[in-house]
Protein backbone atom coordinates (compact mmCIF):
# COMPACT_ATOMS: atom_id res chain seq x y z
CA MET A 1 15.96 -9.11 14.15
CA HIS A 2 15.24 -11.57 11.29
CA LEU A 3 11.75 -12.15 10.06
CA ASN A 4 11.47 -15.35 10.21
CA VAL A 5 12.12 -15.21 13.84
CA LEU A 6 8.91 -13.08 14.26
CA LEU A 7 7.08 -15.94 13.41
CA GLU A 8 9.12 -18.47 14.62
CA SER A 9 8.90 -16.59 18.04
CA ALA A 10 5.02 -16.89 18.04
CA CYS A 11 5.02 -20.26 16.89
CA ARG A 12 6.77 -21.53 20.55
CA LYS A 13 4.33 -19.42 22.38
CA LEU A 14 1.18 -20.04 20.54
CA PRO A 15 1.55 -23.28 18.17
CA GLU A 16 -2.40 -24.09 17.83
CA LYS A 17 -3.52 -20.48 18.13
CA ASP A 18 -4.88 -19.17 14.41
CA ALA A 19 -2.29 -17.09 12.89
CA VAL A 20 -4.27 -16.68 9.70
CA VAL A 21 -8.44 -16.92 8.85
CA TYR A 22 -9.48 -17.03 5.27
CA GLY A 23 -12.90 -18.05 5.00
CA GLU A 24 -13.08 -21.41 5.98
CA GLN A 25 -9.74 -22.24 5.77
CA ARG A 26 -7.58 -21.61 8.90
CA LEU A 27 -3.59 -22.09 9.87
CA SER A 28 -2.55 -22.39 13.40
CA TYR A 29 1.03 -20.66 13.88
CA ARG A 30 2.31 -24.12 13.63
CA GLU A 31 0.81 -24.66 10.29
CA LEU A 32 1.59 -21.33 8.95
CA GLU A 33 5.34 -22.03 10.32
CA ALA A 34 5.61 -25.53 8.54
CA ALA A 35 4.10 -24.14 5.34
CA SER A 36 6.82 -21.56 5.37
CA ARG A 37 9.50 -24.22 5.90
CA ARG A 38 8.30 -26.43 3.26
CA ALA A 39 7.55 -23.29 0.43
CA ALA A 40 11.35 -22.56 1.30
CA ASP A 41 12.55 -25.82 0.04
CA VAL A 42 9.99 -25.11 -3.21
CA PHE A 43 12.17 -22.15 -3.52
CA ARG A 44 15.33 -23.68 -3.21
CA ARG A 45 14.49 -25.91 -6.04
CA GLU A 46 13.32 -23.47 -8.38
CA GLY A 47 17.09 -21.97 -7.64
CA VAL A 48 16.47 -19.27 -5.45
CA ARG A 49 19.69 -17.92 -3.61
CA ARG A 50 20.73 -15.55 -0.74
CA GLY A 51 19.87 -12.28 -2.16
CA ASP A 52 18.02 -13.48 -5.18
CA ARG A 53 14.65 -11.35 -5.53
CA VAL A 54 11.26 -13.52 -5.55
CA ALA A 55 7.74 -11.60 -6.59
CA VAL A 56 4.74 -12.12 -5.41
CA MET A 57 1.70 -10.92 -6.87
CA THR A 58 -1.68 -12.03 -5.46
CA TYR A 59 -5.11 -11.01 -3.96
CA ASN A 60 -5.15 -11.35 0.04
CA SER A 61 -4.56 -14.93 0.57
CA PRO A 62 -2.54 -17.42 2.88
CA GLY A 63 -0.61 -18.17 -0.14
CA PHE A 64 1.07 -14.61 -0.06
CA LEU A 65 2.33 -14.88 3.23
CA ILE A 66 3.39 -18.49 3.11
CA ALA A 67 5.83 -17.16 0.29
CA ALA A 68 6.78 -14.33 1.80
CA PHE A 69 7.91 -16.44 4.71
CA GLY A 70 9.39 -19.11 2.44
CA ILE A 71 11.27 -16.46 0.34
CA TRP A 72 12.93 -15.39 3.53
CA ARG A 73 13.66 -18.42 5.04
CA ALA A 74 15.50 -19.40 1.72
CA GLY A 75 17.47 -16.23 1.95
CA GLY A 76 15.87 -14.58 -0.85
CA VAL A 77 14.35 -11.18 -1.31
CA LEU A 78 10.50 -10.59 -1.22
CA VAL A 79 8.88 -8.20 -3.96
CA PRO A 80 5.29 -7.49 -3.55
CA VAL A 81 3.63 -6.82 -6.65
CA ASN A 82 0.32 -4.38 -7.42
CA HIS A 83 -2.18 -7.09 -8.45
CA LYS A 84 -3.96 -4.43 -10.33
CA LEU A 85 -1.18 -3.84 -12.98
CA THR A 86 -1.34 -4.58 -16.52
CA ALA A 87 1.14 -6.69 -18.00
CA SER A 88 3.20 -3.38 -19.25
CA GLU A 89 3.52 -2.18 -15.57
CA VAL A 90 4.33 -5.68 -14.68
CA GLU A 91 7.19 -5.85 -17.13
CA TYR A 92 8.98 -2.82 -15.62
CA THR A 93 8.40 -4.06 -12.22
CA ILE A 94 9.59 -7.32 -12.77
CA GLY A 95 12.62 -6.06 -15.09
CA HIS A 96 13.90 -3.31 -12.64
CA SER A 97 13.90 -5.79 -9.56
CA GLY A 98 15.13 -8.54 -11.63
CA ALA A 99 12.94 -11.57 -10.41
CA ARG A 100 13.21 -14.91 -11.90
CA VAL A 101 10.85 -16.20 -10.28
CA GLY A 102 7.23 -15.41 -9.00
CA VAL A 103 4.30 -16.83 -7.11
CA VAL A 104 0.98 -14.98 -8.65
CA SER A 105 -2.79 -15.94 -8.15
CA ALA A 106 -4.16 -18.17 -10.79
CA ASP A 107 -6.40 -15.30 -12.23
CA LEU A 108 -3.68 -13.09 -12.51
CA VAL A 109 -1.08 -15.02 -14.63
CA SER A 110 -2.29 -13.62 -17.71
CA ALA A 111 -0.64 -10.35 -16.70
CA ALA A 112 2.17 -11.74 -14.86
CA ARG A 113 3.39 -14.11 -17.70
CA GLY A 114 2.46 -11.16 -20.35
CA GLY A 115 4.48 -8.62 -18.51
CA ALA A 116 7.34 -11.10 -17.52
CA PRO A 117 7.33 -14.29 -19.59
CA GLN A 118 11.04 -14.83 -18.56
CA THR A 119 10.13 -15.26 -14.91
CA ARG A 120 8.91 -18.77 -13.77
CA TRP A 121 5.38 -18.17 -12.28
CA LEU A 122 4.13 -20.54 -9.66
CA LEU A 123 0.35 -20.23 -9.53
CA THR A 124 -1.49 -19.96 -5.83
CA GLU A 125 -5.29 -20.93 -5.50
CA ALA A 126 -4.90 -22.85 -8.96
CA ALA A 127 -7.62 -25.05 -7.71
CA THR A 128 -10.33 -22.75 -6.73
CA HIS A 129 -9.72 -19.74 -9.42
CA GLY A 130 -7.27 -21.11 -12.22
CA ASP A 131 -8.24 -23.59 -15.39
CA GLY A 132 -6.02 -26.14 -16.84
CA VAL A 133 -2.76 -25.05 -14.55
CA GLU A 134 0.32 -27.67 -14.82
CA ALA A 135 0.78 -29.75 -11.94
CA ARG A 136 4.62 -28.15 -11.88
CA ASP A 137 3.16 -24.76 -11.54
CA ASP A 138 1.17 -25.33 -8.60
CA PHE A 139 2.60 -23.73 -6.05
CA ASP A 140 0.13 -24.77 -3.20
CA ALA A 141 0.34 -28.23 -4.10
CA ALA A 142 4.38 -27.85 -4.29
CA VAL A 143 4.00 -26.76 -0.80
CA ALA A 144 1.61 -29.57 0.25
CA SER A 145 4.37 -32.33 -0.82
CA ALA A 146 7.93 -30.51 -0.17
CA PRO A 147 9.77 -31.28 2.82
CA GLU A 148 10.17 -28.63 5.49
CA TRP A 149 13.48 -27.08 5.29
CA ASP A 150 15.20 -24.67 8.11
CA GLY A 151 16.85 -22.57 5.10
CA VAL A 152 20.01 -20.19 5.24
CA ASP A 153 21.70 -18.86 7.95
CA GLY A 154 20.60 -15.04 7.40
CA THR A 155 21.16 -11.62 9.18
CA GLU A 156 19.18 -8.73 9.79
CA ASP A 157 21.04 -6.32 7.70
CA ASP A 158 20.11 -8.86 4.46
CA ALA A 159 17.59 -7.52 2.02
CA ALA A 160 14.21 -8.21 3.16
CA GLN A 161 11.88 -6.45 0.77
CA ILE A 162 11.50 -4.40 -2.01
CA LEU A 163 8.46 -1.73 -1.87
CA TYR A 164 7.91 -0.25 -5.22
CA THR A 165 6.75 3.51 -4.98
CA SER A 166 7.15 6.29 -7.49
CA GLY A 167 8.09 9.98 -7.22
CA THR A 168 7.86 12.92 -9.48
CA THR A 169 8.94 10.41 -12.25
CA SER A 170 7.08 8.28 -14.15
CA ALA A 171 9.77 5.63 -13.45
CA PRO A 172 8.84 3.47 -10.15
CA LYS A 173 11.58 3.43 -7.47
CA GLY A 174 12.27 -0.02 -5.38
CA CYS A 175 12.54 1.06 -1.57
CA VAL A 176 15.30 -1.64 -0.33
CA HIS A 177 14.05 -2.56 3.34
CA THR A 178 16.50 -4.82 5.48
CA HIS A 179 15.24 -7.21 8.08
CA ARG A 180 16.15 -5.38 10.79
CA THR A 181 14.10 -2.29 9.32
CA ILE A 182 10.86 -4.06 8.84
CA ALA A 183 11.45 -6.29 12.51
CA SER A 184 11.58 -2.70 13.64
CA VAL A 185 8.08 -1.77 12.55
CA PRO A 186 6.07 -3.81 14.42
CA PRO A 187 7.01 -2.42 17.96
CA LEU A 188 6.36 1.15 17.21
CA ILE A 189 2.63 0.23 15.88
CA VAL A 190 2.05 -1.40 19.03
CA ALA A 191 3.47 1.42 21.14
CA THR A 192 1.18 3.27 18.65
CA MET A 193 -2.06 1.33 18.52
CA GLY A 194 -2.03 -0.68 21.99
CA PHE A 195 -2.54 -4.00 20.31
CA THR A 196 -2.17 -7.23 21.95
CA ARG A 197 -1.99 -10.85 21.04
CA ASP A 198 -6.06 -10.92 21.58
CA ASP A 199 -6.52 -8.57 18.58
CA ARG A 200 -7.99 -10.08 15.12
CA PHE A 201 -6.83 -7.88 12.59
CA LEU A 202 -9.04 -7.92 9.09
CA ILE A 203 -6.81 -7.36 6.29
CA ALA A 204 -8.91 -6.66 3.48
CA MET A 205 -7.10 -3.73 1.36
CA PRO A 206 -4.16 -5.22 -0.84
CA ILE A 207 -1.48 -7.10 1.57
CA TRP A 208 1.32 -6.19 -0.95
CA HIS A 209 0.77 -2.61 0.24
CA ALA A 210 3.75 -1.64 2.80
CA ALA A 211 1.06 -0.49 5.27
CA PRO A 212 -1.33 -3.61 5.00
CA LEU A 213 1.77 -6.21 4.87
CA ASN A 214 3.92 -4.26 7.63
CA ASP A 215 2.17 -2.38 9.65
CA TRP A 216 -0.84 -4.58 10.44
CA THR A 217 -0.33 -8.12 9.36
CA LEU A 218 3.40 -8.27 10.54
CA THR A 219 2.61 -6.88 13.83
CA THR A 220 -0.25 -9.04 14.38
CA LEU A 221 1.76 -12.02 13.78
CA PHE A 222 4.55 -10.60 16.10
CA LEU A 223 2.19 -10.69 19.01
CA GLY A 224 0.40 -13.81 18.35
CA GLY A 225 -2.77 -12.42 16.92
CA THR A 226 -4.95 -13.47 14.43
CA VAL A 227 -4.84 -12.14 10.65
CA ILE A 228 -8.34 -12.22 9.03
CA LEU A 229 -7.83 -12.50 5.33
CA GLN A 230 -10.52 -11.05 2.72
CA ARG A 231 -9.56 -11.60 -0.70
CA GLU A 232 -10.85 -8.32 -1.82
CA TYR A 233 -12.35 -5.46 -0.11
CA HIS A 234 -16.29 -5.29 -0.48
CA PRO A 235 -18.34 -2.82 1.48
CA ILE A 236 -20.90 -5.47 2.96
CA GLU A 237 -18.40 -8.47 3.08
CA PHE A 238 -16.24 -6.08 5.03
CA LEU A 239 -19.13 -5.67 7.57
CA GLU A 240 -19.96 -9.31 7.46
CA THR A 241 -16.45 -10.52 8.15
CA VAL A 242 -16.23 -8.04 11.23
CA GLN A 243 -19.49 -9.55 12.60
CA ARG A 244 -18.63 -12.88 11.93
CA GLU A 245 -15.04 -13.19 13.33
CA LYS A 246 -15.13 -10.42 15.95
CA VAL A 247 -12.57 -8.43 14.26
CA THR A 248 -11.05 -6.19 16.68
CA ALA A 249 -8.73 -3.88 13.97
CA PHE A 250 -9.39 -2.78 10.41
CA PHE A 251 -7.36 -0.46 8.25
CA GLY A 252 -8.33 1.14 5.17
CA ALA A 253 -8.87 4.09 3.03
CA PRO A 254 -11.67 6.34 4.01
CA ILE A 255 -13.49 5.07 0.98
CA ALA A 256 -13.75 1.95 2.78
CA TYR A 257 -15.62 3.21 5.27
CA LEU A 258 -17.89 5.50 3.18
CA ALA A 259 -18.74 2.95 0.62
CA PRO A 260 -20.89 0.70 2.82
CA LEU A 261 -22.92 3.57 3.39
CA GLN A 262 -23.51 4.34 -0.14
CA VAL A 263 -24.11 0.79 -1.01
CA ALA A 264 -26.52 0.06 1.96
CA LYS A 265 -28.63 3.10 1.02
CA ALA A 266 -28.75 1.58 -2.90
CA GLN A 267 -29.85 -1.77 -1.73
CA GLY A 268 -31.82 -1.07 1.70
CA ILE A 269 -29.42 -2.23 3.91
CA ASP A 270 -29.82 -1.42 7.47
CA LEU A 271 -26.12 -1.16 8.56
CA ALA A 272 -27.38 -0.90 12.41
CA SER A 273 -28.27 -4.51 12.29
CA TYR A 274 -24.48 -5.60 12.14
CA ASP A 275 -22.84 -6.52 15.47
CA LEU A 276 -19.27 -4.39 15.08
CA SER A 277 -19.09 -4.44 19.08
CA SER A 278 -15.69 -6.44 18.87
CA MET A 279 -14.23 -3.39 17.01
CA ARG A 280 -11.36 -1.27 19.25
CA HIS A 281 -9.46 0.06 16.06
CA TRP A 282 -10.92 1.72 13.06
CA ILE A 283 -7.73 2.50 11.15
CA TYR A 284 -7.44 4.70 8.14
CA GLY A 285 -5.16 6.17 5.76
CA GLY A 286 -4.40 7.50 2.54
CA ALA A 287 -6.20 10.90 2.96
CA PRO A 288 -7.54 12.77 5.97
CA ILE A 289 -11.19 12.86 6.82
CA GLY A 290 -12.95 16.16 7.70
CA ALA A 291 -15.20 16.98 10.67
CA GLU A 292 -18.47 16.10 9.28
CA ALA A 293 -17.07 12.85 7.78
CA ALA A 294 -15.51 12.36 11.26
CA GLU A 295 -19.02 12.47 13.00
CA LEU A 296 -20.87 10.73 10.27
CA LEU A 297 -18.45 7.62 10.76
CA ALA A 298 -18.42 7.73 14.20
CA ARG A 299 -22.51 7.96 14.29
CA VAL A 300 -22.70 5.04 11.77
CA TYR A 301 -19.87 3.04 12.83
CA ARG A 302 -21.09 3.40 16.56
CA SER A 303 -17.17 4.08 17.85
CA GLU A 304 -15.36 6.79 18.53
CA ASN A 305 -12.05 4.46 18.34
CA PHE A 306 -11.10 5.86 14.80
CA TYR A 307 -7.23 6.49 14.28
CA GLN A 308 -5.53 8.09 11.13
CA VAL A 309 -2.11 6.89 10.22
CA TYR A 310 0.34 8.68 7.94
CA GLY A 311 3.60 7.12 6.43
CA MET A 312 5.42 6.02 3.20
CA SER A 313 7.07 3.07 1.92
CA GLU A 314 10.86 4.52 2.01
CA MET A 315 9.60 4.57 6.23
CA GLY A 316 8.69 1.13 6.46
CA PRO A 317 6.00 2.72 6.59
CA VAL A 318 5.87 4.23 10.00
CA GLY A 319 4.88 8.37 10.55
CA THR A 320 2.25 10.00 12.62
CA ALA A 321 -0.88 9.30 13.89
CA LEU A 322 -4.36 11.12 14.80
CA TYR A 323 -5.98 9.57 17.58
CA PRO A 324 -9.52 9.13 18.57
CA HIS A 325 -9.77 12.23 20.56
CA GLU A 326 -8.61 14.50 17.85
CA GLN A 327 -10.64 13.36 14.96
CA ILE A 328 -12.98 15.86 15.51
CA ALA A 329 -11.27 18.91 17.27
CA LYS A 330 -8.26 18.27 14.87
CA ALA A 331 -10.06 16.93 11.62
CA GLY A 332 -7.84 16.97 8.77
CA SER A 333 -4.61 16.54 10.41
CA ILE A 334 -2.10 13.89 10.49
CA GLY A 335 -1.30 14.32 14.28
CA ARG A 336 1.05 16.01 16.00
CA GLY A 337 4.94 14.91 16.08
CA GLY A 338 6.08 11.54 14.97
CA MET A 339 4.51 7.87 16.34
CA PRO A 340 6.80 6.81 19.00
CA GLY A 341 10.02 5.55 17.73
CA VAL A 342 10.00 8.17 15.47
CA ASP A 343 11.96 11.62 15.01
CA LEU A 344 9.86 14.44 12.82
CA ARG A 345 11.08 17.43 11.85
CA VAL A 346 8.97 20.35 9.31
CA VAL A 347 12.01 21.99 7.57
CA ARG A 348 11.13 25.22 5.59
CA ALA A 349 13.10 25.94 2.21
CA ASP A 350 16.27 27.48 4.26
CA GLY A 351 16.66 24.65 6.39
CA VAL A 352 15.39 25.88 9.58
CA ASP A 353 12.78 24.14 11.39
CA ALA A 354 9.26 25.53 11.35
CA ALA A 355 7.43 27.55 13.79
CA PRO A 356 3.73 27.36 14.68
CA GLY A 357 1.86 29.06 11.51
CA GLU A 358 4.77 28.28 9.08
CA THR A 359 4.89 25.26 6.42
CA GLY A 360 7.67 23.15 5.48
CA GLU A 361 8.69 19.71 4.23
CA ILE A 362 8.11 16.94 6.56
CA TRP A 363 11.16 15.00 7.51
CA LEU A 364 11.17 11.80 9.24
CA SER A 365 13.87 9.74 10.92
CA ALA A 366 13.11 5.85 12.52
CA ASP A 367 14.89 2.55 12.44
CA THR A 368 12.60 1.55 9.67
CA ARG A 369 13.78 3.67 7.11
CA MET A 370 14.96 1.88 4.06
CA ARG A 371 18.54 1.45 3.14
CA GLY A 372 17.91 3.21 -0.09
CA TYR A 373 16.55 2.86 -3.63
CA LEU A 374 17.61 0.10 -5.78
CA ASP A 375 20.01 0.60 -8.36
CA ASN A 376 19.33 4.69 -8.01
CA ASP A 377 21.69 6.55 -5.86
CA ALA A 378 20.66 9.78 -7.18
CA ALA A 379 17.29 9.29 -6.30
CA THR A 380 18.53 8.26 -2.81
CA ALA A 381 20.83 10.83 -1.85
CA ASP A 382 17.62 13.25 -3.14
CA VAL A 383 15.49 11.99 0.04
CA ILE A 384 18.47 11.04 2.40
CA GLU A 385 19.93 13.41 5.19
CA GLY A 386 21.88 12.09 7.76
CA ARG A 387 19.42 10.16 9.46
CA TRP A 388 16.46 11.83 7.97
CA TYR A 389 14.16 10.88 5.27
CA ARG A 390 12.77 13.99 3.41
CA THR A 391 9.05 12.99 2.46
CA GLY A 392 8.61 15.68 -0.18
CA ASP A 393 5.07 16.20 1.75
CA VAL A 394 4.89 19.92 2.69
CA ALA A 395 2.88 20.61 6.03
CA ARG A 396 1.66 23.64 7.91
CA ILE A 397 2.13 23.67 11.89
CA ASP A 398 -0.93 24.89 13.83
CA ALA A 399 -0.73 26.48 16.94
CA ASP A 400 -0.92 23.42 19.02
CA GLY A 401 1.74 21.85 16.90
CA TYR A 402 -0.68 19.61 15.04
CA LEU A 403 0.30 19.23 11.12
CA PHE A 404 -1.94 19.76 8.15
CA ILE A 405 -0.36 18.54 4.95
CA VAL A 406 -1.32 21.57 2.33
CA ASP A 407 0.61 20.32 -0.53
CA ARG A 408 2.85 17.39 -2.29
CA LEU A 409 6.10 18.71 -3.45
CA LYS A 410 5.65 15.23 -5.48
CA ASP A 411 2.76 15.39 -7.78
CA VAL A 412 1.00 12.26 -6.12
CA ILE A 413 -2.74 11.72 -6.20
CA ILE A 414 -4.12 9.72 -3.63
CA THR A 415 -7.30 7.98 -4.99
CA GLY A 416 -9.13 5.61 -2.52
CA GLY A 417 -5.63 5.16 -0.49
CA GLU A 418 -3.86 4.45 -4.01
CA ASN A 419 -0.98 6.33 -5.29
CA VAL A 420 -1.36 7.74 -8.67
CA TYR A 421 1.51 9.28 -10.35
CA SER A 422 0.35 12.33 -12.71
CA GLN A 423 3.65 11.71 -14.95
CA GLU A 424 2.77 8.08 -15.51
CA VAL A 425 -0.47 8.94 -16.67
CA GLU A 426 0.57 11.97 -18.92
CA GLU A 427 3.08 9.42 -20.38
CA ALA A 428 0.52 7.06 -21.40
CA ILE A 429 -1.91 9.60 -22.84
CA ARG A 430 0.57 11.74 -24.56
CA PRO A 431 1.36 9.23 -27.85
CA HIS A 432 -2.55 9.57 -28.66
CA ASP A 433 -3.11 10.77 -32.04
CA ASP A 434 -5.56 13.30 -31.09
CA VAL A 435 -3.38 14.71 -27.99
CA VAL A 436 -1.10 17.92 -28.38
CA ASP A 437 -0.25 18.42 -25.10
CA VAL A 438 -1.52 16.88 -21.56
CA ALA A 439 -1.19 17.19 -17.61
CA VAL A 440 -2.63 15.44 -14.95
CA ILE A 441 -3.83 16.79 -11.42
CA GLY A 442 -6.09 15.55 -8.77
CA ARG A 443 -9.50 17.14 -7.95
CA PRO A 444 -9.95 16.93 -4.04
CA HIS A 445 -13.46 14.27 -3.66
CA PRO A 446 -14.72 13.69 -0.15
CA GLU A 447 -14.69 10.30 -0.50
CA TRP A 448 -11.81 9.25 -2.84
CA GLY A 449 -9.90 11.97 -1.09
CA GLU A 450 -8.92 12.86 -4.74
CA THR A 451 -9.56 11.88 -8.20
CA VAL A 452 -7.61 11.83 -11.80
CA VAL A 453 -8.45 14.65 -14.01
CA ALA A 454 -6.82 14.52 -17.28
CA VAL A 455 -6.34 18.34 -18.65
CA VAL A 456 -5.59 18.02 -22.68
CA VAL A 457 -4.75 20.07 -25.54
CA PRO A 458 -6.78 18.85 -28.60
CA ALA A 459 -5.19 18.44 -31.90
CA ALA A 460 -6.96 21.12 -34.46
CA GLY A 461 -10.43 20.39 -35.01
CA ARG A 462 -10.25 16.92 -33.04
CA THR A 463 -12.15 16.45 -29.98
CA ILE A 464 -11.84 13.91 -27.10
CA GLU A 465 -14.39 12.25 -24.97
CA LEU A 466 -13.53 10.56 -21.75
CA GLU A 467 -15.07 7.30 -22.68
CA ASP A 468 -12.89 6.83 -25.90
CA LEU A 469 -9.95 8.11 -23.85
CA ARG A 470 -10.39 5.38 -20.90
CA VAL A 471 -10.52 2.21 -23.93
CA TYR A 472 -7.32 4.01 -25.21
CA LEU A 473 -6.10 3.52 -21.85
CA ALA A 474 -7.19 0.44 -21.24
CA ASP A 475 -4.37 -1.48 -21.47
CA LYS A 476 -1.91 0.77 -20.41
CA LEU A 477 -2.77 1.90 -16.80
CA ALA A 478 -4.63 0.11 -14.03
CA ARG A 479 -8.04 1.21 -13.63
CA TYR A 480 -7.44 3.16 -10.60
CA LYS A 481 -4.99 5.23 -12.36
CA MET A 482 -7.60 6.16 -15.08
CA PRO A 483 -8.89 9.75 -15.54
CA ARG A 484 -12.08 9.96 -13.99
CA GLU A 485 -12.78 13.50 -15.58
CA LEU A 486 -11.33 15.19 -18.95
CA VAL A 487 -10.90 18.71 -19.60
CA LEU A 488 -9.96 20.34 -22.65
CA VAL A 489 -8.19 23.55 -22.91
CA ASP A 490 -6.37 25.64 -25.68
CA ALA A 491 -3.09 25.37 -23.79
CA LEU A 492 -1.59 24.47 -20.56
CA PRO A 493 0.52 27.34 -18.62
CA ARG A 494 4.16 26.71 -18.84
CA ASN A 495 6.86 29.32 -17.63
CA PRO A 496 9.24 30.54 -19.73
CA SER A 497 11.74 27.61 -19.73
CA GLY A 498 8.96 25.63 -20.89
CA LYS A 499 8.04 24.04 -17.73
CA LEU A 500 4.30 23.26 -16.79
CA THR A 501 3.23 25.21 -13.78
CA LYS A 502 0.42 23.38 -12.48
CA HIS A 503 -0.32 25.19 -9.60
CA VAL A 504 -1.68 28.01 -12.13
CA LEU A 505 -3.26 24.92 -13.93
CA ARG A 506 -5.11 23.96 -10.75
CA ALA A 507 -6.09 27.72 -9.96
CA VAL A 508 -7.78 27.74 -13.14
CA VAL A 509 -9.25 24.15 -13.35
CA LEU A 510 -9.82 23.60 -9.72
CA PRO A 511 -10.99 27.19 -8.41
CA ASP A 512 -12.14 27.43 -4.52
């Protein structure tokens, strides 16, 4: 299926139903479909042709979805860009993807233009969040005045998205997905979660992430449900939105559920005063929740309908799920086997499938798997084994067949649901005049999943303070990648070949 068919089909069935709610703004399926056709004409006039990459760097707003469906109708490839990136980080993503046209939230334009001045940036939300925007740069105004266009004839095997991720190196990799691989995601999610067209899904996590975009937004539109957009997550606004819009489903990192408890305690707010009875699916991912936290959340949110999901951009993302009745008994697990439509193996180093009690690397197979990494055949070959995607995550299987992740082959730190790649942070710190050597690791944290710890060997006679280091990194790294802890050591452990032995470092810095 081409992704435009997904929207067209829902529009034919439910033309006047709310497709998107954004504060006071409501777009019916008919209005969203018409806006996407006008956006396609805007992109055509900007020179976008079949196969061209178009970047979208926005907060959660209707502009993102109008741009996305307009890009696909024009034959282009959507490149979602993390709105938290600095200009230097934007430079790599845009340069690697080759996007010559982009859509950006007006108050993010400095980072976008600073990182990619050669890209033609059109501004969304210019009227409400931007100052001094030239008329020719206003994406929303251009869409409003453009004629509707049917678009180009594309196929389901055309590239639809390039989702940027990263592995053990600091250079992000672009996962190339086709219309077919992304359109294969919603049926698997529906089979896993049991969503219907009556669902009203709150998207408060960044929509440029693979899961909020493909798992939750496109699945909701596929069914004919309603997507509720919150521009940015806020602990109390999140609860107010659930109550006001009768939200039925929400996805967030564990911290998104725990933060309201902290804010409520600090501000004397009674969480029991919020009517959350409409909620049927409280979904979390990015880190497990222990039994004690699971019991706390069930009590505070007055619901046992919690689900954990595990997946990655390379898979669409789909993977595994831990269901409500398993939250306490199997706390910390990512589930048993794959979601419906997902095949899963846990493979030992010798290539044999692991048995209960053993550990191995998680391999996944589904129709949602990426075509490969953009312009990186070697990296693609490293993770593709026939029909399988090798995740790099090492899991233990318990006696009942449930999987517990025990390590990552890739040194990825997951903090608040965001992936932080240790080598990228290390390379940002290393040029500091007072740094001789550096390693970055994650410290387990009950709320954030992990926090970033920089372990530094200072130059002789020098010392470094955490706040000074964070100031140094301010224009080099997004805030969520910043070290939250600094440990000074005399030397880092390395093997005879000079390779850093992080397992030894963790044992010293993070003892049990």
